[in-house]
N, C-alpha and C. Protein backbone atom coordinates (compact mmCIF):
# COMPACT_ATOMS: atom_id res chain seq x y z
N UNK A 1 89.81 74.23 79.40
CA UNK A 1 88.99 73.05 79.66
C UNK A 1 89.21 72.53 81.07
N UNK A 2 89.42 73.41 82.00
CA UNK A 2 89.50 73.02 83.40
C UNK A 2 90.89 72.72 83.91
N UNK A 3 91.90 72.77 83.05
CA UNK A 3 93.25 72.42 83.50
C UNK A 3 93.80 73.43 84.50
N UNK A 4 93.57 74.71 84.25
CA UNK A 4 94.06 75.74 85.17
C UNK A 4 93.36 75.62 86.51
N UNK A 5 92.05 75.42 86.49
CA UNK A 5 91.30 75.25 87.74
C UNK A 5 91.79 74.01 88.48
N UNK A 6 91.95 72.92 87.79
CA UNK A 6 92.43 71.69 88.42
C UNK A 6 93.79 71.87 89.06
N UNK A 7 94.68 72.58 88.38
CA UNK A 7 96.02 72.83 88.92
C UNK A 7 95.93 73.69 90.18
N UNK A 8 95.09 74.73 90.14
CA UNK A 8 94.94 75.60 91.31
C UNK A 8 94.37 74.82 92.50
N UNK A 9 93.35 74.03 92.26
CA UNK A 9 92.74 73.25 93.34
C UNK A 9 93.73 72.25 93.94
N UNK A 10 94.64 71.76 93.13
CA UNK A 10 95.59 70.75 93.62
C UNK A 10 96.64 71.32 94.57
N UNK A 11 96.86 72.63 94.54
CA UNK A 11 97.90 73.21 95.39
C UNK A 11 97.37 74.16 96.47
N UNK A 12 96.13 74.58 96.35
CA UNK A 12 95.60 75.54 97.32
C UNK A 12 95.01 74.81 98.52
N UNK A 13 95.11 75.42 99.71
CA UNK A 13 94.58 74.78 100.92
C UNK A 13 93.05 74.66 100.88
N UNK A 14 92.55 73.77 101.70
CA UNK A 14 91.10 73.54 101.78
C UNK A 14 90.34 74.77 102.26
N UNK A 15 91.00 75.71 102.87
CA UNK A 15 90.35 76.92 103.35
C UNK A 15 90.25 77.99 102.27
N UNK A 16 90.81 77.72 101.11
CA UNK A 16 90.79 78.69 100.00
C UNK A 16 89.40 78.87 99.45
N UNK A 17 89.20 80.01 98.82
CA UNK A 17 87.99 80.28 98.06
C UNK A 17 88.43 80.67 96.65
N UNK A 18 87.86 80.01 95.67
CA UNK A 18 88.24 80.24 94.28
C UNK A 18 87.02 80.69 93.50
N UNK A 19 87.17 81.81 92.82
CA UNK A 19 86.10 82.32 91.95
C UNK A 19 86.53 82.07 90.51
N UNK A 20 85.70 81.38 89.77
CA UNK A 20 85.94 81.21 88.34
C UNK A 20 84.88 82.01 87.61
N UNK A 21 85.32 82.98 86.84
CA UNK A 21 84.40 83.77 86.02
C UNK A 21 84.34 83.09 84.65
N UNK A 22 83.16 82.65 84.28
CA UNK A 22 82.97 81.99 82.98
C UNK A 22 81.86 82.70 82.23
N UNK A 23 82.19 83.18 81.07
CA UNK A 23 81.25 83.95 80.26
C UNK A 23 80.32 83.05 79.44
N UNK A 24 80.79 81.88 79.09
CA UNK A 24 80.06 81.02 78.15
C UNK A 24 79.42 79.84 78.87
N UNK A 25 78.09 79.85 79.03
CA UNK A 25 77.41 78.76 79.74
C UNK A 25 77.68 77.38 79.13
N UNK A 26 77.90 77.33 77.84
CA UNK A 26 78.15 76.04 77.18
C UNK A 26 79.40 75.35 77.72
N UNK A 27 80.39 76.12 78.14
CA UNK A 27 81.61 75.54 78.70
C UNK A 27 81.27 74.73 79.96
N UNK A 28 80.40 75.27 80.78
CA UNK A 28 80.00 74.57 82.00
C UNK A 28 79.21 73.31 81.64
N UNK A 29 78.35 73.40 80.63
CA UNK A 29 77.60 72.22 80.18
C UNK A 29 78.55 71.15 79.65
N UNK A 30 79.56 71.56 78.89
CA UNK A 30 80.54 70.59 78.39
C UNK A 30 81.29 69.93 79.55
N UNK A 31 81.60 70.73 80.58
CA UNK A 31 82.35 70.22 81.73
C UNK A 31 81.59 69.12 82.45
N UNK A 32 80.28 69.22 82.45
CA UNK A 32 79.45 68.21 83.11
C UNK A 32 79.05 67.09 82.16
N UNK A 33 79.31 67.27 80.87
CA UNK A 33 78.90 66.29 79.86
C UNK A 33 80.08 65.67 79.15
N UNK A 34 80.25 66.02 77.87
CA UNK A 34 81.26 65.33 77.07
C UNK A 34 82.72 65.55 77.51
N UNK A 35 82.98 66.59 78.29
CA UNK A 35 84.34 66.83 78.75
C UNK A 35 84.53 66.52 80.24
N UNK A 36 83.58 65.84 80.83
CA UNK A 36 83.64 65.52 82.26
C UNK A 36 84.91 64.75 82.61
N UNK A 37 85.40 63.94 81.69
CA UNK A 37 86.63 63.20 81.95
C UNK A 37 87.85 64.13 82.10
N UNK A 38 87.79 65.33 81.55
CA UNK A 38 88.87 66.31 81.72
C UNK A 38 88.69 67.14 82.99
N UNK A 39 87.46 67.50 83.29
CA UNK A 39 87.18 68.35 84.44
C UNK A 39 87.18 67.58 85.75
N UNK A 40 86.85 66.31 85.69
CA UNK A 40 86.79 65.52 86.92
C UNK A 40 85.78 66.11 87.89
N UNK A 41 86.18 66.27 89.14
CA UNK A 41 85.28 66.79 90.17
C UNK A 41 85.53 68.27 90.47
N UNK A 42 86.27 68.93 89.61
CA UNK A 42 86.67 70.32 89.92
C UNK A 42 85.47 71.24 90.14
N UNK A 43 84.40 71.07 89.36
CA UNK A 43 83.27 71.99 89.50
C UNK A 43 82.43 71.73 90.74
N UNK A 44 82.63 70.59 91.39
CA UNK A 44 81.88 70.31 92.62
C UNK A 44 82.73 70.55 93.87
N UNK A 45 83.94 71.04 93.70
CA UNK A 45 84.81 71.33 94.83
C UNK A 45 84.18 72.43 95.67
N UNK A 46 84.08 72.22 96.99
CA UNK A 46 83.42 73.22 97.85
C UNK A 46 84.14 74.57 97.91
N UNK A 47 85.39 74.63 97.49
CA UNK A 47 86.14 75.90 97.49
C UNK A 47 85.75 76.78 96.31
N UNK A 48 85.03 76.22 95.35
CA UNK A 48 84.76 76.90 94.08
C UNK A 48 83.43 77.65 94.09
N UNK A 49 83.49 78.89 93.59
CA UNK A 49 82.29 79.65 93.28
C UNK A 49 82.36 79.97 91.80
N UNK A 50 81.37 79.51 91.05
CA UNK A 50 81.32 79.74 89.62
C UNK A 50 80.47 80.98 89.36
N UNK A 51 81.10 82.01 88.84
CA UNK A 51 80.44 83.29 88.56
C UNK A 51 80.24 83.39 87.05
N UNK A 52 79.01 83.24 86.60
CA UNK A 52 78.72 83.21 85.17
C UNK A 52 78.64 84.64 84.61
N UNK A 53 79.80 85.28 84.59
CA UNK A 53 79.92 86.64 84.06
C UNK A 53 81.27 86.81 83.42
N UNK A 54 81.42 87.90 82.73
CA UNK A 54 82.70 88.26 82.13
C UNK A 54 83.70 88.55 83.24
N UNK A 55 84.91 87.99 83.14
CA UNK A 55 85.94 88.21 84.15
C UNK A 55 86.24 89.70 84.31
N UNK A 56 86.14 90.44 83.24
CA UNK A 56 86.36 91.89 83.31
C UNK A 56 85.40 92.52 84.32
N UNK A 57 84.12 92.14 84.27
CA UNK A 57 83.12 92.72 85.17
C UNK A 57 83.38 92.32 86.62
N UNK A 58 83.79 91.08 86.83
CA UNK A 58 84.10 90.61 88.19
C UNK A 58 85.25 91.43 88.77
N UNK A 59 86.27 91.65 87.98
CA UNK A 59 87.43 92.41 88.44
C UNK A 59 87.10 93.88 88.66
N UNK A 60 86.34 94.46 87.75
CA UNK A 60 85.97 95.88 87.87
C UNK A 60 85.22 96.17 89.17
N UNK A 61 84.44 95.21 89.64
CA UNK A 61 83.63 95.41 90.85
C UNK A 61 84.39 95.13 92.15
N UNK A 62 85.57 94.56 92.03
CA UNK A 62 86.32 94.12 93.21
C UNK A 62 87.28 95.20 93.69
N UNK A 63 87.48 95.25 94.99
CA UNK A 63 88.47 96.16 95.56
C UNK A 63 89.25 95.43 96.65
N UNK A 64 90.50 95.12 96.33
CA UNK A 64 91.42 94.44 97.25
C UNK A 64 90.80 93.22 97.92
N UNK A 65 90.20 92.33 97.11
CA UNK A 65 89.61 91.12 97.68
C UNK A 65 90.30 89.83 97.22
N UNK A 66 91.13 89.91 96.19
CA UNK A 66 91.75 88.71 95.65
C UNK A 66 93.24 88.63 96.02
N UNK A 67 93.67 87.42 96.38
CA UNK A 67 95.11 87.17 96.58
C UNK A 67 95.78 86.86 95.25
N UNK A 68 95.00 86.38 94.31
CA UNK A 68 95.54 86.07 93.00
C UNK A 68 94.46 86.13 91.94
N UNK A 69 94.86 86.50 90.75
CA UNK A 69 93.98 86.52 89.58
C UNK A 69 94.76 85.84 88.46
N UNK A 70 94.12 84.91 87.79
CA UNK A 70 94.76 84.22 86.67
C UNK A 70 94.01 84.56 85.40
N UNK A 71 94.72 85.09 84.42
CA UNK A 71 94.14 85.33 83.09
C UNK A 71 94.58 84.18 82.19
N UNK A 72 93.64 83.33 81.87
CA UNK A 72 93.85 82.24 80.92
C UNK A 72 92.68 82.32 79.95
N UNK A 73 92.54 83.50 79.33
CA UNK A 73 91.32 83.79 78.56
C UNK A 73 91.56 83.95 77.07
N UNK A 74 92.79 84.07 76.64
CA UNK A 74 93.06 84.31 75.22
C UNK A 74 94.43 83.72 74.92
N UNK A 75 94.96 83.94 73.74
CA UNK A 75 96.27 83.39 73.38
C UNK A 75 97.42 84.29 73.80
N UNK A 76 97.12 85.44 74.34
CA UNK A 76 98.16 86.36 74.75
C UNK A 76 97.57 87.65 75.25
N UNK A 77 98.41 88.63 75.53
CA UNK A 77 97.95 89.87 76.13
C UNK A 77 97.31 90.83 75.14
N UNK A 78 96.38 90.32 74.37
CA UNK A 78 95.60 91.15 73.47
C UNK A 78 94.31 90.39 73.15
N UNK A 79 93.46 90.99 72.39
CA UNK A 79 92.20 90.35 72.04
C UNK A 79 92.30 89.51 70.79
N UNK A 80 93.25 88.58 70.76
CA UNK A 80 93.50 87.77 69.57
C UNK A 80 92.28 86.91 69.21
N UNK A 81 91.72 86.21 70.19
CA UNK A 81 90.56 85.35 69.94
C UNK A 81 89.27 86.15 70.05
N UNK A 82 89.22 87.04 71.02
CA UNK A 82 88.01 87.84 71.26
C UNK A 82 88.43 89.30 71.48
N UNK A 83 88.01 90.17 70.60
CA UNK A 83 88.42 91.58 70.66
C UNK A 83 88.10 92.22 72.01
N UNK A 84 87.01 91.80 72.65
CA UNK A 84 86.63 92.38 73.94
C UNK A 84 87.68 92.11 75.02
N UNK A 85 88.51 91.10 74.83
CA UNK A 85 89.55 90.80 75.82
C UNK A 85 90.64 91.86 75.87
N UNK A 86 90.70 92.71 74.85
CA UNK A 86 91.68 93.81 74.86
C UNK A 86 91.58 94.62 76.15
N UNK A 87 90.37 94.78 76.66
CA UNK A 87 90.20 95.61 77.86
C UNK A 87 90.86 95.01 79.09
N UNK A 88 91.05 93.70 79.12
CA UNK A 88 91.74 93.07 80.25
C UNK A 88 93.22 93.45 80.27
N UNK A 89 93.80 93.54 79.09
CA UNK A 89 95.24 93.74 78.94
C UNK A 89 95.62 95.20 78.72
N UNK A 90 94.63 96.07 78.60
CA UNK A 90 94.90 97.50 78.40
C UNK A 90 95.39 98.12 79.70
N UNK A 91 95.88 99.34 79.61
CA UNK A 91 96.36 100.04 80.81
C UNK A 91 95.26 100.13 81.86
N UNK A 92 94.05 100.50 81.47
CA UNK A 92 92.98 100.63 82.47
C UNK A 92 92.51 99.27 82.96
N UNK A 93 92.58 98.24 82.14
CA UNK A 93 92.23 96.89 82.58
C UNK A 93 93.21 96.37 83.62
N UNK A 94 94.49 96.66 83.39
CA UNK A 94 95.51 96.24 84.35
C UNK A 94 95.40 97.02 85.66
N UNK A 95 95.02 98.30 85.57
CA UNK A 95 94.80 99.07 86.80
C UNK A 95 93.62 98.50 87.59
N UNK A 96 92.59 98.02 86.89
CA UNK A 96 91.45 97.40 87.58
C UNK A 96 91.88 96.12 88.28
N UNK A 97 92.71 95.31 87.62
CA UNK A 97 93.22 94.09 88.24
C UNK A 97 94.07 94.43 89.46
N UNK A 98 94.89 95.45 89.33
CA UNK A 98 95.73 95.92 90.43
C UNK A 98 94.85 96.29 91.63
N UNK A 99 93.78 97.04 91.38
CA UNK A 99 92.88 97.47 92.45
C UNK A 99 92.14 96.30 93.08
N UNK A 100 91.89 95.25 92.30
CA UNK A 100 91.15 94.08 92.81
C UNK A 100 92.01 93.18 93.69
N UNK A 101 93.33 93.32 93.58
CA UNK A 101 94.25 92.49 94.36
C UNK A 101 94.56 93.10 95.72
N UNK A 102 94.71 92.23 96.71
CA UNK A 102 95.22 92.66 98.00
C UNK A 102 96.71 92.97 97.84
N UNK A 103 97.30 93.72 98.78
CA UNK A 103 98.75 93.92 98.73
C UNK A 103 99.46 92.56 98.72
N UNK A 104 100.47 92.43 97.92
CA UNK A 104 101.26 91.23 97.63
C UNK A 104 100.48 90.21 96.80
N UNK A 105 99.29 90.57 96.33
CA UNK A 105 98.54 89.69 95.43
C UNK A 105 99.23 89.60 94.08
N UNK A 106 98.94 88.52 93.35
CA UNK A 106 99.61 88.27 92.08
C UNK A 106 98.61 88.11 90.95
N UNK A 107 98.88 88.80 89.88
CA UNK A 107 98.16 88.63 88.62
C UNK A 107 99.03 87.74 87.75
N UNK A 108 98.52 86.58 87.35
CA UNK A 108 99.26 85.64 86.50
C UNK A 108 98.60 85.61 85.13
N UNK A 109 99.40 85.76 84.09
CA UNK A 109 98.88 85.81 82.74
C UNK A 109 99.63 84.80 81.89
N UNK A 110 98.90 83.92 81.22
CA UNK A 110 99.48 82.98 80.28
C UNK A 110 99.42 83.56 78.88
N UNK A 111 100.45 83.28 78.09
CA UNK A 111 100.48 83.73 76.71
C UNK A 111 101.19 82.69 75.84
N UNK A 112 100.77 82.61 74.60
CA UNK A 112 101.43 81.73 73.65
C UNK A 112 102.69 82.36 73.08
N UNK A 113 102.97 83.61 73.47
CA UNK A 113 104.13 84.32 72.92
C UNK A 113 104.57 85.42 73.88
N UNK A 114 105.84 85.84 73.78
CA UNK A 114 106.32 86.95 74.61
C UNK A 114 105.82 88.29 74.08
N UNK A 115 105.87 89.32 74.93
CA UNK A 115 105.40 90.65 74.51
C UNK A 115 106.02 91.70 75.44
N UNK A 116 107.11 92.31 74.99
CA UNK A 116 107.81 93.30 75.81
C UNK A 116 106.95 94.52 76.11
N UNK A 117 106.12 94.93 75.16
CA UNK A 117 105.22 96.08 75.40
C UNK A 117 104.26 95.80 76.54
N UNK A 118 103.77 94.57 76.60
CA UNK A 118 102.84 94.20 77.67
C UNK A 118 103.54 94.25 79.03
N UNK A 119 104.78 93.79 79.08
CA UNK A 119 105.54 93.86 80.33
C UNK A 119 105.64 95.31 80.78
N UNK A 120 105.90 96.22 79.85
CA UNK A 120 105.97 97.64 80.19
C UNK A 120 104.64 98.16 80.73
N UNK A 121 103.52 97.71 80.15
CA UNK A 121 102.19 98.11 80.65
C UNK A 121 101.98 97.62 82.07
N UNK A 122 102.40 96.40 82.36
CA UNK A 122 102.28 95.86 83.72
C UNK A 122 103.07 96.71 84.71
N UNK A 123 104.28 97.06 84.33
CA UNK A 123 105.13 97.88 85.21
C UNK A 123 104.50 99.25 85.42
N UNK A 124 104.00 99.86 84.35
CA UNK A 124 103.35 101.18 84.47
C UNK A 124 102.10 101.11 85.35
N UNK A 125 101.44 99.94 85.40
CA UNK A 125 100.26 99.78 86.25
C UNK A 125 100.64 99.60 87.72
N UNK A 126 101.93 99.47 88.01
CA UNK A 126 102.39 99.39 89.39
C UNK A 126 102.89 98.02 89.82
N UNK A 127 102.89 97.05 88.93
CA UNK A 127 103.28 95.69 89.29
C UNK A 127 104.80 95.50 89.23
N UNK A 128 105.29 94.60 90.08
CA UNK A 128 106.64 94.04 89.95
C UNK A 128 106.47 92.78 89.11
N UNK A 129 107.19 92.67 88.00
CA UNK A 129 106.91 91.63 87.01
C UNK A 129 108.04 90.62 86.91
N UNK A 130 107.67 89.35 86.90
CA UNK A 130 108.59 88.26 86.59
C UNK A 130 108.05 87.56 85.35
N UNK A 131 108.91 87.36 84.36
CA UNK A 131 108.52 86.67 83.13
C UNK A 131 109.15 85.28 83.12
N UNK A 132 108.34 84.28 82.87
CA UNK A 132 108.80 82.90 82.84
C UNK A 132 108.46 82.32 81.48
N UNK A 133 109.42 81.65 80.87
CA UNK A 133 109.15 80.95 79.62
C UNK A 133 109.24 79.46 79.87
N UNK A 134 108.30 78.74 79.29
CA UNK A 134 108.20 77.30 79.49
C UNK A 134 108.13 76.63 78.13
N UNK A 135 109.04 75.69 77.84
CA UNK A 135 108.98 74.99 76.55
C UNK A 135 107.67 74.21 76.41
N UNK A 136 107.16 74.17 75.21
CA UNK A 136 105.98 73.38 74.91
C UNK A 136 106.43 71.95 74.70
N UNK A 137 106.10 71.07 75.62
CA UNK A 137 106.58 69.69 75.55
C UNK A 137 105.93 68.91 74.41
N UNK A 138 104.82 69.39 73.91
CA UNK A 138 104.18 68.73 72.78
C UNK A 138 104.85 69.10 71.46
N UNK A 139 105.25 70.34 71.32
CA UNK A 139 105.83 70.82 70.07
C UNK A 139 107.36 70.71 70.11
N UNK A 140 107.94 70.81 71.26
CA UNK A 140 109.38 70.75 71.39
C UNK A 140 109.96 72.08 71.80
N UNK A 141 111.27 72.17 71.83
CA UNK A 141 111.96 73.35 72.31
C UNK A 141 111.74 74.58 71.44
N UNK A 142 111.26 74.43 70.22
CA UNK A 142 111.06 75.58 69.34
C UNK A 142 109.94 76.48 69.83
N UNK A 143 108.93 75.92 70.46
CA UNK A 143 107.79 76.71 70.92
C UNK A 143 107.86 76.88 72.44
N UNK A 144 107.47 78.06 72.91
CA UNK A 144 107.45 78.30 74.35
C UNK A 144 106.15 79.00 74.73
N UNK A 145 105.78 78.81 75.96
CA UNK A 145 104.68 79.56 76.56
C UNK A 145 105.33 80.63 77.43
N UNK A 146 104.66 81.76 77.53
CA UNK A 146 105.14 82.84 78.40
C UNK A 146 104.13 83.03 79.52
N UNK A 147 104.65 83.12 80.72
CA UNK A 147 103.80 83.39 81.90
C UNK A 147 104.38 84.60 82.60
N UNK A 148 103.52 85.57 82.85
CA UNK A 148 103.94 86.73 83.63
C UNK A 148 103.32 86.64 85.01
N UNK A 149 104.14 86.81 86.02
CA UNK A 149 103.67 86.91 87.41
C UNK A 149 103.87 88.38 87.79
N UNK A 150 102.76 89.07 87.98
CA UNK A 150 102.79 90.50 88.27
C UNK A 150 102.29 90.70 89.70
N UNK A 151 103.20 91.07 90.58
CA UNK A 151 102.86 91.20 92.01
C UNK A 151 102.57 92.65 92.37
N UNK A 152 101.50 92.82 93.13
CA UNK A 152 101.17 94.13 93.68
C UNK A 152 102.01 94.32 94.94
N UNK A 153 102.77 95.40 95.02
CA UNK A 153 103.62 95.61 96.21
C UNK A 153 102.79 95.76 97.48
N UNK A 154 103.46 95.56 98.60
CA UNK A 154 102.82 95.70 99.91
C UNK A 154 102.38 97.11 100.14
């Protein structure tokens, strides 16, 4: 609901260019309507280009053009919510993300749970991987979020 975009806009320089791939047009309508209080002015930021396509397609067409890619599309590195998301986290999907990144670019993936097999897939795709766990402040120390930062070497 715009939280990831808002966080990115808050730390990136004014010279940045941000591409948001959104598959569902209704999300954009909600952002301008009933959820506008959550999105604020993020969608009118001049650094933003809203690409109304599947993120998979945007990445597949790219070659070394992104400094960073953020996957905040499902509950983890599989197609838990949407089976089609499996292709993002598969070996060939990760290779496509790798190819879309410039050298030293970072693929960041949020997950509601850890996954050692996924870390191995990232490494096999050529990434240097850092895994970060963050406690869920709403639920308490029992629940954690997992974030993988996968860097493409120089």
